[in-house]
Amino acid sequence: MPPPPPSSSPSLLPPLLQQTTAPPPPRKTTLCLAWDLDETLVPLASLERSQTDPRAREAGAELRRCVLDLAARRFQLSRLGGGGGGGESGSEEEEEEEEEEEEEEKEERAVVARLAAEAASLYDSGPRSCLSAEAAVEAAGARSAVDAASGGWLRAASRLFSETTSSKSSSCSSFAFRHFLVTAAPLAPTLAKLVVCGLSEFFPSGSVRCCWKEKKKSRNGDGDGGDRCCRKAAAFEALKRQVEEEEASEEEEKKENRVFFLAVGDSCGDELAAEAVGWPFLRVGPRALGKEFGNENGNENGNDDGEGEPTEERTAAAKKLRPDALGRISTPLPRLTVLDLVRASGALLGG
């Protein structure tokens, strides 16, 4: 009896025994977020400037006291705090003195670099090394007061960072998050603020970039002007080069990794700096809304010129803010989600 013709039906072999083409390894998507500190993660000024809520002003004052105390005691505030001020220049005598001052400035920069390294080492050793038992209790009280007055601002920040850094978190688990802090503030108060506000565990010193520079008036009397924005844009560029170099040095099978950058801040300067380097910008903070923390009449920056309860539309018109990467004027941190970060970065669109 002749054998039956070959069957065209699907193979009955177990799937593992069939010859198949192995699927390509999944590409990793990394989201690099450059966070501003003041008024984005820590709304200190908005608390202090609240016009209608004494509790907010008291919370802001308590937080500032804890931050300055820690910065002075442990982080060399007198040398790393930006306390100096620049004077006017322009006379011939002053111009001659500039050359003599150059050598002194070089020596000063070397000392400051050494002190900054020591401060960073102490900071990386953890809050228990930075805070005495009494100071730790005071810091916890300050955080509690800030959260009570701001709707849980600091608590929301910790939750958000925990969700993006925990391996057990299911929120957008296909993305790897890298958080950086880029601030125009000096180093000492920046490190102290992160420790007191309970955010230091999410920002090791290597991820903190302070692009502060002492303000000096020029001969025509102009101040810092747009220089702060330029310094922040330069910090963004340096951060991008660092991340790209690290990605390029990875193993061969990881060369298909995708990296997305997102700047998160509250000011127009933050937005312009992000625009200068081609990054999307997400506006997070209370000031743009002009009505947070009991401040129904806006703040001293003129967020609301009219009468009555400020609205997002009127606030935007007053400050001429453009919608951010989510199409919003601003998002209070307690309402920000991990998915918001992913959407704003453009990672869901594939890039």
Protein backbone atom coordinates (compact mmCIF):
# COMPACT_ATOMS: atom_id res chain seq x y z
CA MET A 1 0.00 0.00 0.00
CA PRO A 2 1.60 3.30 -1.06
CA PRO A 3 2.27 5.83 1.69
CA PRO A 4 -0.22 8.69 1.98
CA PRO A 5 0.73 11.99 0.36
CA PRO A 6 2.29 14.64 2.62
CA SER A 7 -0.30 16.49 4.59
CA SER A 8 -0.64 20.25 4.30
CA SER A 9 -2.22 20.50 7.72
CA PRO A 10 -0.41 22.34 10.48
CA SER A 11 2.34 20.47 12.32
CA LEU A 12 1.23 18.45 15.31
CA LEU A 13 4.65 18.72 16.97
CA PRO A 14 4.79 20.63 20.22
CA PRO A 15 5.54 24.32 19.58
CA LEU A 16 8.92 24.10 21.31
CA LEU A 17 10.03 21.41 18.85
CA GLN A 18 9.02 23.29 15.74
CA GLN A 19 11.63 25.26 13.86
CA THR A 20 10.80 28.88 14.42
CA THR A 21 12.59 32.18 14.12
CA ALA A 22 13.42 33.65 17.51
CA PRO A 23 11.76 37.03 18.01
CA PRO A 24 14.13 39.98 18.32
CA PRO A 25 14.87 41.04 21.87
CA PRO A 26 12.59 43.85 23.05
CA ARG A 27 14.02 47.32 22.77
CA LYS A 28 14.49 49.16 26.01
CA THR A 29 12.96 52.61 26.26
CA THR A 30 14.66 54.96 28.67
CA LEU A 31 13.03 58.16 29.86
CA CYS A 32 15.47 60.79 31.14
CA LEU A 33 13.65 63.42 33.17
CA ALA A 34 15.38 66.69 34.06
CA TRP A 35 13.52 68.13 37.05
CA ASP A 36 13.60 71.67 38.34
CA LEU A 37 13.62 71.93 42.14
CA ASP A 38 12.13 75.18 43.39
CA GLU A 39 8.37 75.49 42.89
CA THR A 40 8.31 72.23 40.92
CA LEU A 41 9.27 69.63 43.52
CA VAL A 42 9.38 71.97 46.52
CA PRO A 43 6.83 74.84 46.47
CA LEU A 44 8.58 76.86 49.14
CA ALA A 45 8.09 80.34 47.67
CA SER A 46 4.40 79.77 46.96
CA LEU A 47 3.86 78.72 50.55
CA GLU A 48 5.68 81.73 51.93
CA ARG A 49 3.82 84.15 49.64
CA SER A 50 0.33 82.86 50.30
CA GLN A 51 -1.87 85.89 50.94
CA THR A 52 -4.86 84.14 52.50
CA ASP A 53 -3.55 81.05 54.32
CA PRO A 54 -1.45 81.63 57.47
CA ARG A 55 -0.90 77.88 57.72
CA ALA A 56 0.86 77.90 54.34
CA ARG A 57 3.12 80.79 55.35
CA GLU A 58 4.01 79.08 58.62
CA ALA A 59 4.82 75.83 56.80
CA GLY A 60 7.03 77.68 54.35
CA ALA A 61 8.88 79.47 57.15
CA GLU A 62 9.43 76.21 59.03
CA LEU A 63 10.74 74.47 55.92
CA ARG A 64 13.11 77.32 55.10
CA ARG A 65 14.49 77.34 58.64
CA CYS A 66 15.23 73.59 58.50
CA VAL A 67 16.86 73.89 55.07
CA LEU A 68 19.10 76.82 55.99
CA ASP A 69 20.08 75.24 59.29
CA LEU A 70 21.15 72.00 57.60
CA ALA A 71 22.92 73.85 54.79
CA ALA A 72 24.89 75.93 57.29
CA ARG A 73 25.74 73.07 59.63
CA ARG A 74 26.62 70.33 57.15
CA PHE A 75 26.89 71.62 53.58
CA GLN A 76 29.18 74.66 53.84
CA LEU A 77 26.46 77.23 53.17
CA SER A 78 28.90 80.13 53.61
CA ARG A 79 31.05 78.84 50.74
CA LEU A 80 28.57 76.86 48.62
CA GLY A 81 25.43 78.88 49.22
CA GLY A 82 25.81 81.75 46.80
CA GLY A 83 25.71 84.36 49.52
CA GLY A 84 28.09 86.78 47.79
CA GLY A 85 26.91 89.62 45.65
CA GLY A 86 28.43 91.25 42.64
CA GLY A 87 29.09 94.95 42.45
CA GLU A 88 29.27 97.30 39.54
CA SER A 89 32.51 97.65 37.63
CA GLY A 90 33.84 99.93 34.99
CA SER A 91 36.53 102.20 36.40
CA GLU A 92 40.12 101.93 35.17
CA GLU A 93 41.32 100.94 38.64
CA GLU A 94 38.83 98.10 38.79
CA GLU A 95 39.87 96.88 35.36
CA GLU A 96 43.50 96.72 36.51
CA GLU A 97 42.48 94.83 39.60
CA GLU A 98 40.67 92.20 37.54
CA GLU A 99 43.94 90.66 36.37
CA GLU A 100 45.22 90.44 39.93
CA GLU A 101 41.99 88.83 41.02
CA GLU A 102 42.17 86.06 38.42
CA GLU A 103 44.73 84.05 40.39
CA GLU A 104 42.73 84.46 43.56
CA GLU A 105 39.62 83.29 41.73
CA LYS A 106 41.42 80.16 40.51
CA GLU A 107 42.46 79.31 44.05
CA GLU A 108 38.94 79.98 45.28
CA ARG A 109 37.45 77.71 42.61
CA ALA A 110 39.78 74.92 43.70
CA VAL A 111 38.69 75.31 47.32
CA VAL A 112 35.04 75.41 46.34
CA ALA A 113 35.44 72.26 44.22
CA ARG A 114 36.96 70.43 47.19
CA LEU A 115 34.18 71.58 49.52
CA ALA A 116 31.56 70.58 46.96
CA ALA A 117 33.03 67.09 46.73
CA GLU A 118 32.95 66.78 50.51
CA ALA A 119 29.36 67.99 50.64
CA ALA A 120 28.34 65.52 47.94
CA SER A 121 30.01 62.65 49.78
CA LEU A 122 28.17 63.50 52.98
CA TYR A 123 24.90 63.87 51.08
CA ASP A 124 25.30 60.44 49.44
CA SER A 125 25.86 58.83 52.84
CA GLY A 126 22.17 59.36 53.55
CA PRO A 127 19.88 61.52 55.71
CA ARG A 128 20.94 59.78 58.94
CA SER A 129 24.48 61.01 58.39
CA CYS A 130 23.31 64.53 57.55
CA LEU A 131 20.68 65.08 60.23
CA SER A 132 20.96 64.79 63.98
CA ALA A 133 18.12 63.02 65.77
CA GLU A 134 16.62 66.35 66.73
CA ALA A 135 17.01 67.79 63.23
CA ALA A 136 15.41 64.67 61.72
CA VAL A 137 12.33 65.17 63.91
CA GLU A 138 12.15 68.84 62.89
CA ALA A 139 12.50 67.93 59.21
CA ALA A 140 9.68 65.39 59.49
CA GLY A 141 7.51 68.04 61.10
CA ALA A 142 8.31 70.51 58.34
CA ARG A 143 7.39 67.96 55.66
CA SER A 144 4.13 67.20 57.42
CA ALA A 145 3.29 70.91 57.64
CA VAL A 146 4.10 71.45 53.97
CA ASP A 147 1.95 68.52 52.90
CA ALA A 148 -0.95 69.70 55.06
CA ALA A 149 -0.79 73.16 53.50
CA SER A 150 -0.15 72.08 49.90
CA GLY A 151 -2.42 69.10 49.43
CA GLY A 152 0.33 66.52 49.86
CA TRP A 153 2.93 68.02 47.49
CA LEU A 154 6.04 66.35 48.94
CA ARG A 155 4.23 63.10 49.61
CA ALA A 156 3.11 63.03 45.97
CA ALA A 157 6.68 63.61 44.78
CA SER A 158 7.97 60.66 46.82
CA ARG A 159 5.16 58.45 45.56
CA LEU A 160 5.81 59.38 41.95
CA PHE A 161 9.54 58.71 42.17
CA SER A 162 8.95 55.44 44.01
CA GLU A 163 6.64 54.25 41.25
CA THR A 164 9.22 54.98 38.58
CA THR A 165 12.21 53.48 40.38
CA SER A 166 10.73 50.40 42.04
CA SER A 167 11.20 47.10 40.20
CA LYS A 168 7.90 45.89 41.70
CA SER A 169 5.87 48.76 40.29
CA SER A 170 3.54 47.85 37.42
CA SER A 171 3.03 51.44 36.28
CA CYS A 172 4.54 51.71 32.80
CA SER A 173 6.89 48.82 33.63
CA SER A 174 8.20 48.68 30.05
CA PHE A 175 10.02 51.98 30.55
CA ALA A 176 13.23 52.67 32.44
CA PHE A 177 13.26 56.02 34.22
CA ARG A 178 16.32 58.13 34.99
CA HIS A 179 15.80 61.20 37.13
CA PHE A 180 18.12 64.21 37.14
CA LEU A 181 17.88 67.50 38.99
CA VAL A 182 18.89 70.63 37.07
CA THR A 183 18.58 73.79 39.11
CA ALA A 184 19.83 77.36 38.99
CA ALA A 185 20.15 77.36 42.80
CA PRO A 186 23.50 77.01 44.64
CA LEU A 187 24.70 73.59 45.78
CA ALA A 188 24.40 73.84 49.58
CA PRO A 189 20.71 74.82 49.81
CA THR A 190 19.90 72.39 47.00
CA LEU A 191 21.34 69.38 48.83
CA ALA A 192 19.81 70.51 52.12
CA LYS A 193 16.40 70.95 50.53
CA LEU A 194 16.49 67.45 49.04
CA VAL A 195 17.42 65.93 52.40
CA VAL A 196 14.87 67.85 54.46
CA CYS A 197 12.08 67.20 51.93
CA GLY A 198 12.78 63.47 51.82
CA LEU A 199 13.84 63.39 48.17
CA SER A 200 17.56 62.67 48.48
CA GLU A 201 17.13 58.92 47.94
CA PHE A 202 15.86 59.60 44.42
CA PHE A 203 18.65 62.02 43.45
CA PRO A 204 22.20 60.84 44.21
CA SER A 205 24.76 63.61 43.97
CA GLY A 206 25.83 62.47 40.51
CA SER A 207 22.35 63.26 39.20
CA VAL A 208 22.27 66.79 40.64
CA ARG A 209 23.43 69.64 38.41
CA CYS A 210 23.58 73.14 39.87
CA CYS A 211 24.07 75.74 37.16
CA TRP A 212 24.05 78.63 39.62
CA LYS A 213 26.35 81.54 39.00
CA GLU A 214 26.88 84.63 41.11
CA LYS A 215 25.04 87.56 39.65
CA LYS A 216 27.34 90.38 38.59
CA LYS A 217 26.23 93.63 37.09
CA SER A 218 27.87 94.64 33.86
CA ARG A 219 29.21 98.10 33.10
CA ASN A 220 25.87 99.16 31.64
CA GLY A 221 24.07 98.06 34.79
CA ASP A 222 22.33 95.00 33.33
CA GLY A 223 21.76 92.07 35.66
CA ASP A 224 21.65 88.34 35.13
CA GLY A 225 19.01 88.65 32.41
CA GLY A 226 18.64 85.61 30.21
CA ASP A 227 21.95 84.16 31.35
CA ARG A 228 20.22 81.79 33.76
CA CYS A 229 18.20 80.31 30.91
CA CYS A 230 21.37 79.89 28.86
CA ARG A 231 23.13 78.13 31.73
CA LYS A 232 20.22 75.75 32.15
CA ALA A 233 20.14 75.00 28.43
CA ALA A 234 23.88 74.29 28.57
CA ALA A 235 23.26 71.93 31.50
CA PHE A 236 20.59 70.14 29.46
CA GLU A 237 23.04 69.75 26.57
CA ALA A 238 25.72 68.35 28.87
CA LEU A 239 23.21 65.93 30.38
CA LYS A 240 22.15 64.75 26.94
CA ARG A 241 25.77 64.11 25.91
CA GLN A 242 26.39 62.17 29.11
CA VAL A 243 23.37 59.91 28.63
CA GLU A 244 24.09 59.32 24.94
CA GLU A 245 27.70 58.41 25.68
CA GLU A 246 26.56 55.95 28.33
CA GLU A 247 24.05 54.39 25.96
CA ALA A 248 26.62 54.13 23.17
CA SER A 249 29.03 52.27 25.47
CA GLU A 250 26.53 49.52 26.27
CA GLU A 251 26.71 46.01 24.85
CA GLU A 252 25.98 45.23 21.21
CA GLU A 253 22.54 43.79 21.84
CA LYS A 254 21.45 46.97 23.57
CA LYS A 255 22.26 49.34 20.75
CA GLU A 256 18.62 49.52 19.73
CA ASN A 257 17.71 51.23 22.97
CA ARG A 258 15.56 54.33 22.64
CA VAL A 259 16.12 57.35 24.84
CA PHE A 260 13.63 60.17 25.37
CA PHE A 261 14.29 63.39 27.26
CA LEU A 262 11.78 65.54 29.12
CA ALA A 263 12.29 68.79 31.04
CA VAL A 264 9.95 69.32 34.00
CA GLY A 265 9.77 72.79 35.52
CA ASP A 266 7.52 75.69 36.37
CA SER A 267 9.01 78.84 34.83
CA CYS A 268 9.23 80.39 31.40
CA GLY A 269 13.01 80.12 31.70
CA ASP A 270 12.73 76.35 32.14
CA GLU A 271 10.53 76.18 29.06
CA LEU A 272 12.91 78.28 26.94
CA ALA A 273 15.89 76.18 28.01
CA ALA A 274 14.05 73.00 27.01
CA GLU A 275 13.07 74.55 23.70
CA ALA A 276 16.69 75.52 23.04
CA VAL A 277 17.80 71.88 23.14
CA GLY A 278 14.70 70.47 21.44
CA TRP A 279 13.18 68.75 24.46
CA PRO A 280 9.49 68.59 25.30
CA PHE A 281 8.54 70.60 28.36
CA LEU A 282 6.10 69.67 31.12
CA ARG A 283 4.99 72.51 33.39
CA VAL A 284 4.51 71.42 37.00
CA GLY A 285 4.01 73.88 39.83
CA PRO A 286 1.48 76.06 41.65
CA ARG A 287 2.57 79.48 40.40
CA ALA A 288 1.21 79.17 36.87
CA LEU A 289 -2.29 78.50 38.22
CA GLY A 290 -2.08 81.44 40.60
CA LYS A 291 -4.58 79.98 43.05
CA GLU A 292 -2.83 77.27 45.05
CA PHE A 293 -2.34 77.17 48.83
CA GLY A 294 -5.17 79.58 49.63
CA ASN A 295 -3.76 82.31 47.37
CA GLU A 296 -6.94 83.40 45.61
CA ASN A 297 -5.52 86.67 44.34
CA GLY A 298 -2.48 85.34 42.55
CA ASN A 299 1.10 85.88 43.62
CA GLU A 300 3.47 88.78 43.46
CA ASN A 301 4.55 87.82 39.93
CA GLY A 302 1.21 89.07 38.65
CA ASN A 303 -0.35 85.74 37.77
CA ASP A 304 -3.82 87.25 38.06
CA ASP A 305 -4.57 90.87 37.25
CA GLY A 306 -8.36 90.79 37.41
CA GLU A 307 -10.89 90.53 40.17
CA GLY A 308 -12.36 87.43 41.72
CA GLU A 309 -11.21 83.81 41.58
CA PRO A 310 -8.32 83.25 39.15
CA THR A 311 -8.88 80.75 36.37
CA GLU A 312 -6.38 78.81 34.31
CA GLU A 313 -7.44 80.72 31.18
CA ARG A 314 -6.99 84.14 32.78
CA THR A 315 -3.71 83.10 34.38
CA ALA A 316 -2.39 81.91 31.03
CA ALA A 317 -3.44 85.13 29.36
CA ALA A 318 -1.75 87.19 32.06
CA LYS A 319 1.54 85.38 31.79
CA LYS A 320 1.22 84.46 28.11
CA LEU A 321 2.00 80.84 28.86
CA ARG A 322 1.81 78.28 26.11
CA PRO A 323 0.33 74.82 26.66
CA ASP A 324 2.99 72.30 27.62
CA ALA A 325 3.68 68.83 26.21
CA LEU A 326 0.38 67.57 27.64
CA GLY A 327 -1.58 70.50 26.25
CA ARG A 328 -2.04 71.92 29.75
CA ILE A 329 -1.13 75.23 31.32
CA SER A 330 0.23 73.54 34.44
CA THR A 331 -0.24 70.39 36.53
CA PRO A 332 -0.05 70.42 40.34
CA LEU A 333 2.33 67.71 41.44
CA PRO A 334 -0.29 65.79 43.49
CA ARG A 335 -2.24 65.25 40.25
CA LEU A 336 0.76 64.18 38.15
CA THR A 337 0.95 60.49 37.16
CA VAL A 338 3.62 58.24 35.74
CA LEU A 339 1.58 57.96 32.55
CA ASP A 340 1.64 61.77 32.28
CA LEU A 341 5.45 61.65 32.26
CA VAL A 342 5.49 58.98 29.57
CA ARG A 343 3.00 60.81 27.40
CA ALA A 344 4.78 64.13 27.75
CA SER A 345 8.13 62.62 26.76
CA GLY A 346 6.70 61.37 23.45
CA ALA A 347 7.73 57.78 24.20
CA LEU A 348 4.24 56.43 23.46
CA LEU A 349 4.45 57.85 19.94
CA GLY A 350 7.61 55.90 19.23
CA GLY A 351 9.83 58.86 18.51
